[in-house]
Amino acid sequence: ISFNHAERGDVEVAIYDVRGREVSELHNGYLEEGPAEFSWDGNDTSGRSCASAVYFVRVRMGDKRLTKSITMVK
């Protein structure tokens, strides 16, 4: 999961299921401006393996939000 952000500041990157429930938080904190890259191991926050399904990646930077769908296939 990669993106480029124009300003430094707090950034949250999380994975959500189709019901809108947070599955895993990949980052929540300060980032410098520029490119950022994160990976998801397919596990939820408790370390349990998630099912093959469509999930959503949400990136929140201040008042800006970006949401993209991803498909995990095992």
PDB file of N, CA and C in Angstrom:
ATOM      1  N   ILE A   1       0.874  -1.160   0.000  1.00  0.00           N
ATOM      2  CA  ILE A   1       0.000   0.000   0.000  1.00  0.00           C
ATOM      3  C   ILE A   1       0.915   1.214   0.000  1.00  0.00           C
ATOM      4  N   SER A   2       0.898   1.953  -1.098  1.00  0.00           N
ATOM      5  CA  SER A   2       1.780   3.106  -1.179  1.00  0.00           C
ATOM      6  C   SER A   2       0.991   4.342  -1.595  1.00  0.00           C
ATOM      7  N   PHE A   3       1.460   5.477  -1.128  1.00  0.00           N
ATOM      8  CA  PHE A   3       0.837   6.749  -1.468  1.00  0.00           C
ATOM      9  C   PHE A   3       1.860   7.851  -1.258  1.00  0.00           C
ATOM     10  N   ASN A   4       1.557   9.006  -1.777  1.00  0.00           N
ATOM     11  CA  ASN A   4       2.418  10.167  -1.656  1.00  0.00           C
ATOM     12  C   ASN A   4       1.605  11.266  -0.980  1.00  0.00           C
ATOM     13  N   HIS A   5       2.138  11.879   0.047  1.00  0.00           N
ATOM     14  CA  HIS A   5       1.391  12.947   0.714  1.00  0.00           C
ATOM     15  C   HIS A   5       2.206  14.231   0.699  1.00  0.00           C
ATOM     16  N   ALA A   6       1.505  15.333   0.525  1.00  0.00           N
ATOM     17  CA  ALA A   6       2.145  16.621   0.283  1.00  0.00           C
ATOM     18  C   ALA A   6       2.586  17.344   1.545  1.00  0.00           C
ATOM     19  N   GLU A   7       2.062  16.959   2.695  1.00  0.00           N
ATOM     20  CA  GLU A   7       2.384  17.661   3.936  1.00  0.00           C
ATOM     21  C   GLU A   7       2.822  16.673   4.997  1.00  0.00           C
ATOM     22  N   ARG A   8       3.693  17.121   5.874  1.00  0.00           N
ATOM     23  CA  ARG A   8       4.027  16.282   7.021  1.00  0.00           C
ATOM     24  C   ARG A   8       2.921  16.421   8.057  1.00  0.00           C
ATOM     25  N   GLY A   9       2.749  15.394   8.840  1.00  0.00           N
ATOM     26  CA  GLY A   9       1.722  15.443   9.870  1.00  0.00           C
ATOM     27  C   GLY A   9       1.250  14.057  10.247  1.00  0.00           C
ATOM     28  N   ASP A  10       0.170  14.017  11.006  1.00  0.00           N
ATOM     29  CA  ASP A  10      -0.385  12.743  11.452  1.00  0.00           C
ATOM     30  C   ASP A  10      -1.126  12.052  10.315  1.00  0.00           C
ATOM     31  N   VAL A  11      -0.866  10.768  10.180  1.00  0.00           N
ATOM     32  CA  VAL A  11      -1.473   9.956   9.125  1.00  0.00           C
ATOM     33  C   VAL A  11      -1.953   8.649   9.747  1.00  0.00           C
ATOM     34  N   GLU A  12      -3.157   8.251   9.358  1.00  0.00           N
ATOM     35  CA  GLU A  12      -3.694   6.959   9.793  1.00  0.00           C
ATOM     36  C   GLU A  12      -3.927   6.108   8.558  1.00  0.00           C
ATOM     37  N   VAL A  13      -3.434   4.869   8.602  1.00  0.00           N
ATOM     38  CA  VAL A  13      -3.636   3.912   7.518  1.00  0.00           C
ATOM     39  C   VAL A  13      -4.254   2.668   8.143  1.00  0.00           C
ATOM     40  N   ALA A  14      -5.448   2.281   7.691  1.00  0.00           N
ATOM     41  CA  ALA A  14      -6.136   1.145   8.294  1.00  0.00           C
ATOM     42  C   ALA A  14      -6.882   0.340   7.232  1.00  0.00           C
ATOM     43  N   ILE A  15      -7.131  -0.920   7.554  1.00  0.00           N
ATOM     44  CA  ILE A  15      -7.879  -1.842   6.700  1.00  0.00           C
ATOM     45  C   ILE A  15      -9.254  -2.035   7.320  1.00  0.00           C
ATOM     46  N   TYR A  16     -10.301  -1.983   6.479  1.00  0.00           N
ATOM     47  CA  TYR A  16     -11.684  -2.153   6.930  1.00  0.00           C
ATOM     48  C   TYR A  16     -12.358  -3.257   6.122  1.00  0.00           C
ATOM     49  N   ASP A  17     -13.315  -3.942   6.745  1.00  0.00           N
ATOM     50  CA  ASP A  17     -14.102  -4.934   6.012  1.00  0.00           C
ATOM     51  C   ASP A  17     -15.280  -4.242   5.327  1.00  0.00           C
ATOM     52  N   VAL A  18     -16.089  -5.004   4.595  1.00  0.00           N
ATOM     53  CA  VAL A  18     -17.192  -4.414   3.828  1.00  0.00           C
ATOM     54  C   VAL A  18     -18.286  -3.841   4.722  1.00  0.00           C
ATOM     55  N   ARG A  19     -18.313  -4.220   5.990  1.00  0.00           N
ATOM     56  CA  ARG A  19     -19.295  -3.663   6.932  1.00  0.00           C
ATOM     57  C   ARG A  19     -18.795  -2.390   7.603  1.00  0.00           C
ATOM     58  N   GLY A  20     -17.562  -1.983   7.266  1.00  0.00           N
ATOM     59  CA  GLY A  20     -17.014  -0.759   7.827  1.00  0.00           C
ATOM     60  C   GLY A  20     -16.291  -0.936   9.147  1.00  0.00           C
ATOM     61  N   ARG A  21     -16.071  -2.172   9.554  1.00  0.00           N
ATOM     62  CA  ARG A  21     -15.354  -2.438  10.802  1.00  0.00           C
ATOM     63  C   ARG A  21     -13.849  -2.446  10.534  1.00  0.00           C
ATOM     64  N   GLU A  22     -13.101  -1.803  11.427  1.00  0.00           N
ATOM     65  CA  GLU A  22     -11.653  -1.800  11.275  1.00  0.00           C
ATOM     66  C   GLU A  22     -11.112  -3.196  11.536  1.00  0.00           C
ATOM     67  N   VAL A  23     -10.312  -3.691  10.604  1.00  0.00           N
ATOM     68  CA  VAL A  23      -9.711  -5.012  10.702  1.00  0.00           C
ATOM     69  C   VAL A  23      -8.284  -4.913  11.239  1.00  0.00           C
ATOM     70  N   SER A  24      -7.526  -3.948  10.721  1.00  0.00           N
ATOM     71  CA  SER A  24      -6.130  -3.798  11.113  1.00  0.00           C
ATOM     72  C   SER A  24      -5.681  -2.352  10.920  1.00  0.00           C
ATOM     73  N   GLU A  25      -4.930  -1.862  11.873  1.00  0.00           N
ATOM     74  CA  GLU A  25      -4.362  -0.525  11.743  1.00  0.00           C
ATOM     75  C   GLU A  25      -2.893  -0.682  11.367  1.00  0.00           C
ATOM     76  N   LEU A  26      -2.513  -0.143  10.213  1.00  0.00           N
ATOM     77  CA  LEU A  26      -1.147  -0.280   9.728  1.00  0.00           C
ATOM     78  C   LEU A  26      -0.240   0.843  10.225  1.00  0.00           C
ATOM     79  N   HIS A  27      -0.810   2.023  10.419  1.00  0.00           N
ATOM     80  CA  HIS A  27      -0.014   3.156  10.914  1.00  0.00           C
ATOM     81  C   HIS A  27      -0.963   4.184  11.511  1.00  0.00           C
ATOM     82  N   ASN A  28      -0.521   4.790  12.595  1.00  0.00           N
ATOM     83  CA  ASN A  28      -1.270   5.894  13.188  1.00  0.00           C
ATOM     84  C   ASN A  28      -0.258   6.786  13.893  1.00  0.00           C
ATOM     85  N   GLY A  29       0.187   7.805  13.185  1.00  0.00           N
ATOM     86  CA  GLY A  29       1.178   8.692  13.769  1.00  0.00           C
ATOM     87  C   GLY A  29       1.761   9.637  12.742  1.00  0.00           C
ATOM     88  N   TYR A  30       2.833  10.239  13.099  1.00  0.00           N
ATOM     89  CA  TYR A  30       3.467  11.284  12.303  1.00  0.00           C
ATOM     90  C   TYR A  30       4.243  10.698  11.131  1.00  0.00           C
ATOM     91  N   LEU A  31       4.135  11.357   9.968  1.00  0.00           N
ATOM     92  CA  LEU A  31       4.942  11.025   8.796  1.00  0.00           C
ATOM     93  C   LEU A  31       5.443  12.310   8.167  1.00  0.00           C
ATOM     94  N   GLU A  32       6.647  12.254   7.653  1.00  0.00           N
ATOM     95  CA  GLU A  32       7.170  13.363   6.864  1.00  0.00           C
ATOM     96  C   GLU A  32       6.471  13.369   5.510  1.00  0.00           C
ATOM     97  N   GLU A  33       6.506  14.499   4.820  1.00  0.00           N
ATOM     98  CA  GLU A  33       5.903  14.569   3.493  1.00  0.00           C
ATOM     99  C   GLU A  33       6.681  13.681   2.530  1.00  0.00           C
ATOM    100  N   GLY A  34       5.987  13.231   1.483  1.00  0.00           N
ATOM    101  CA  GLY A  34       6.624  12.404   0.464  1.00  0.00           C
ATOM    102  C   GLY A  34       6.010  11.026   0.386  1.00  0.00           C
ATOM    103  N   PRO A  35       6.724  10.107  -0.245  1.00  0.00           N
ATOM    104  CA  PRO A  35       6.178   8.759  -0.431  1.00  0.00           C
ATOM    105  C   PRO A  35       6.156   7.959   0.871  1.00  0.00           C
ATOM    106  N   ALA A  36       5.138   7.121   1.000  1.00  0.00           N
ATOM    107  CA  ALA A  36       5.021   6.221   2.150  1.00  0.00           C
ATOM    108  C   ALA A  36       4.550   4.871   1.640  1.00  0.00           C
ATOM    109  N   GLU A  37       4.996   3.817   2.289  1.00  0.00           N
ATOM    110  CA  GLU A  37       4.621   2.467   1.873  1.00  0.00           C
ATOM    111  C   GLU A  37       4.407   1.593   3.099  1.00  0.00           C
ATOM    112  N   PHE A  38       3.298   0.850   3.076  1.00  0.00           N
ATOM    113  CA  PHE A  38       2.943  -0.050   4.170  1.00  0.00           C
ATOM    114  C   PHE A  38       2.493  -1.374   3.576  1.00  0.00           C
ATOM    115  N   SER A  39       2.640  -2.438   4.335  1.00  0.00           N
ATOM    116  CA  SER A  39       2.139  -3.736   3.870  1.00  0.00           C
ATOM    117  C   SER A  39       1.221  -4.328   4.939  1.00  0.00           C
ATOM    118  N   TRP A  40       0.286  -5.124   4.477  1.00  0.00           N
ATOM    119  CA  TRP A  40      -0.654  -5.804   5.364  1.00  0.00           C
ATOM    120  C   TRP A  40      -0.408  -7.292   5.237  1.00  0.00           C
ATOM    121  N   ASP A  41      -0.239  -7.971   6.349  1.00  0.00           N
ATOM    122  CA  ASP A  41       0.049  -9.404   6.338  1.00  0.00           C
ATOM    123  C   ASP A  41      -1.199 -10.278   6.236  1.00  0.00           C
ATOM    124  N   GLY A  42      -2.371  -9.664   6.130  1.00  0.00           N
ATOM    125  CA  GLY A  42      -3.610 -10.439   6.008  1.00  0.00           C
ATOM    126  C   GLY A  42      -4.192 -10.863   7.334  1.00  0.00           C
ATOM    127  N   ASN A  43      -3.636 -10.359   8.435  1.00  0.00           N
ATOM    128  CA  ASN A  43      -4.136 -10.687   9.768  1.00  0.00           C
ATOM    129  C   ASN A  43      -4.874  -9.498  10.365  1.00  0.00           C
ATOM    130  N   ASP A  44      -5.784  -9.792  11.292  1.00  0.00           N
ATOM    131  CA  ASP A  44      -6.475  -8.706  11.986  1.00  0.00           C
ATOM    132  C   ASP A  44      -5.605  -8.227  13.153  1.00  0.00           C
ATOM    133  N   THR A  45      -6.116  -7.297  13.929  1.00  0.00           N
ATOM    134  CA  THR A  45      -5.325  -6.720  15.024  1.00  0.00           C
ATOM    135  C   THR A  45      -5.001  -7.732  16.116  1.00  0.00           C
ATOM    136  N   SER A  46      -5.747  -8.833  16.177  1.00  0.00           N
ATOM    137  CA  SER A  46      -5.478  -9.889  17.162  1.00  0.00           C
ATOM    138  C   SER A  46      -4.518 -10.942  16.635  1.00  0.00           C
ATOM    139  N   GLY A  47      -4.090 -10.792  15.384  1.00  0.00           N
ATOM    140  CA  GLY A  47      -3.172 -11.757  14.789  1.00  0.00           C
ATOM    141  C   GLY A  47      -3.835 -12.917  14.086  1.00  0.00           C
ATOM    142  N   ARG A  48      -5.169 -12.905  14.032  1.00  0.00           N
ATOM    143  CA  ARG A  48      -5.896 -13.978  13.338  1.00  0.00           C
ATOM    144  C   ARG A  48      -5.916 -13.714  11.845  1.00  0.00           C
ATOM    145  N   SER A  49      -5.820 -14.764  11.074  1.00  0.00           N
ATOM    146  CA  SER A  49      -5.838 -14.665   9.618  1.00  0.00           C
ATOM    147  C   SER A  49      -7.231 -14.255   9.133  1.00  0.00           C
ATOM    148  N   CYS A  50      -7.286 -13.282   8.253  1.00  0.00           N
ATOM    149  CA  CYS A  50      -8.559 -12.817   7.691  1.00  0.00           C
ATOM    150  C   CYS A  50      -8.942 -13.673   6.480  1.00  0.00           C
ATOM    151  N   ALA A  51     -10.223 -13.759   6.240  1.00  0.00           N
ATOM    152  CA  ALA A  51     -10.741 -14.550   5.123  1.00  0.00           C
ATOM    153  C   ALA A  51     -10.468 -13.863   3.789  1.00  0.00           C
ATOM    154  N   SER A  52     -10.467 -14.650   2.724  1.00  0.00           N
ATOM    155  CA  SER A  52     -10.403 -14.088   1.380  1.00  0.00           C
ATOM    156  C   SER A  52     -11.650 -13.241   1.170  1.00  0.00           C
ATOM    157  N   ALA A  53     -11.468 -11.998   0.786  1.00  0.00           N
ATOM    158  CA  ALA A  53     -12.602 -11.084   0.641  1.00  0.00           C
ATOM    159  C   ALA A  53     -12.120  -9.751   0.077  1.00  0.00           C
ATOM    160  N   VAL A  54     -13.069  -8.868  -0.140  1.00  0.00           N
ATOM    161  CA  VAL A  54     -12.757  -7.486  -0.500  1.00  0.00           C
ATOM    162  C   VAL A  54     -12.627  -6.692   0.795  1.00  0.00           C
ATOM    163  N   TYR A  55     -11.587  -5.900   0.872  1.00  0.00           N
ATOM    164  CA  TYR A  55     -11.345  -5.030   2.021  1.00  0.00           C
ATOM    165  C   TYR A  55     -11.104  -3.617   1.495  1.00  0.00           C
ATOM    166  N   PHE A  56     -11.099  -2.662   2.390  1.00  0.00           N
ATOM    167  CA  PHE A  56     -10.866  -1.274   2.015  1.00  0.00           C
ATOM    168  C   PHE A  56      -9.692  -0.729   2.808  1.00  0.00           C
ATOM    169  N   VAL A  57      -8.819  -0.036   2.113  1.00  0.00           N
ATOM    170  CA  VAL A  57      -7.705   0.656   2.744  1.00  0.00           C
ATOM    171  C   VAL A  57      -8.113   2.117   2.871  1.00  0.00           C
ATOM    172  N   ARG A  58      -8.055   2.654   4.082  1.00  0.00           N
ATOM    173  CA  ARG A  58      -8.367   4.068   4.280  1.00  0.00           C
ATOM    174  C   ARG A  58      -7.125   4.778   4.781  1.00  0.00           C
ATOM    175  N   VAL A  59      -6.780   5.843   4.081  1.00  0.00           N
ATOM    176  CA  VAL A  59      -5.677   6.703   4.493  1.00  0.00           C
ATOM    177  C   VAL A  59      -6.282   8.033   4.894  1.00  0.00           C
ATOM    178  N   ARG A  60      -6.015   8.444   6.112  1.00  0.00           N
ATOM    179  CA  ARG A  60      -6.531   9.728   6.599  1.00  0.00           C
ATOM    180  C   ARG A  60      -5.351  10.622   6.935  1.00  0.00           C
ATOM    181  N   MET A  61      -5.338  11.807   6.320  1.00  0.00           N
ATOM    182  CA  MET A  61      -4.292  12.799   6.545  1.00  0.00           C
ATOM    183  C   MET A  61      -4.984  14.116   6.853  1.00  0.00           C
ATOM    184  N   GLY A  62      -5.089  14.447   8.141  1.00  0.00           N
ATOM    185  CA  GLY A  62      -5.812  15.650   8.532  1.00  0.00           C
ATOM    186  C   GLY A  62      -7.273  15.516   8.147  1.00  0.00           C
ATOM    187  N   ASP A  63      -7.788  16.459   7.372  1.00  0.00           N
ATOM    188  CA  ASP A  63      -9.183  16.385   6.939  1.00  0.00           C
ATOM    189  C   ASP A  63      -9.349  15.690   5.596  1.00  0.00           C
ATOM    190  N   LYS A  64      -8.270  15.134   5.038  1.00  0.00           N
ATOM    191  CA  LYS A  64      -8.327  14.427   3.753  1.00  0.00           C
ATOM    192  C   LYS A  64      -8.395  12.925   3.989  1.00  0.00           C
ATOM    193  N   ARG A  65      -9.214  12.262   3.166  1.00  0.00           N
ATOM    194  CA  ARG A  65      -9.331  10.803   3.243  1.00  0.00           C
ATOM    195  C   ARG A  65      -9.257  10.206   1.853  1.00  0.00           C
ATOM    196  N   LEU A  66      -8.590   9.081   1.764  1.00  0.00           N
ATOM    197  CA  LEU A  66      -8.490   8.326   0.525  1.00  0.00           C
ATOM    198  C   LEU A  66      -8.867   6.891   0.851  1.00  0.00           C
ATOM    199  N   THR A  67      -9.805   6.328   0.097  1.00  0.00           N
ATOM    200  CA  THR A  67     -10.230   4.948   0.316  1.00  0.00           C
ATOM    201  C   THR A  67     -10.107   4.178  -0.997  1.00  0.00           C
ATOM    202  N   LYS A  68      -9.486   3.026  -0.941  1.00  0.00           N
ATOM    203  CA  LYS A  68      -9.326   2.146  -2.101  1.00  0.00           C
ATOM    204  C   LYS A  68      -9.712   0.736  -1.703  1.00  0.00           C
ATOM    205  N   SER A  69     -10.305   0.008  -2.627  1.00  0.00           N
ATOM    206  CA  SER A  69     -10.640  -1.390  -2.341  1.00  0.00           C
ATOM    207  C   SER A  69      -9.473  -2.284  -2.736  1.00  0.00           C
ATOM    208  N   ILE A  70      -9.310  -3.363  -1.982  1.00  0.00           N
ATOM    209  CA  ILE A  70      -8.312  -4.382  -2.290  1.00  0.00           C
ATOM    210  C   ILE A  70      -9.000  -5.737  -2.146  1.00  0.00           C
ATOM    211  N   THR A  71      -8.493  -6.722  -2.825  1.00  0.00           N
ATOM    212  CA  THR A  71      -9.025  -8.080  -2.734  1.00  0.00           C
ATOM    213  C   THR A  71      -7.926  -8.990  -2.224  1.00  0.00           C
ATOM    214  N   MET A  72      -8.228  -9.702  -1.138  1.00  0.00           N
ATOM    215  CA  MET A  72      -7.274 -10.669  -0.617  1.00  0.00           C
ATOM    216  C   MET A  72      -7.743 -12.055  -1.021  1.00  0.00           C
ATOM    217  N   VAL A  73      -6.835 -12.796  -1.657  1.00  0.00           N
ATOM    218  CA  VAL A  73      -7.138 -14.160  -2.080  1.00  0.00           C
ATOM    219  C   VAL A  73      -6.062 -15.060  -1.466  1.00  0.00           C
ATOM    220  N   LYS A  74      -6.531 -16.094  -0.787  1.00  0.00           N
ATOM    221  CA  LYS A  74      -5.580 -17.040  -0.167  1.00  0.00           C
ATOM    222  C   LYS A  74      -5.389 -18.251  -1.038  1.00  0.00           C
TER     223      LYS A  74
END
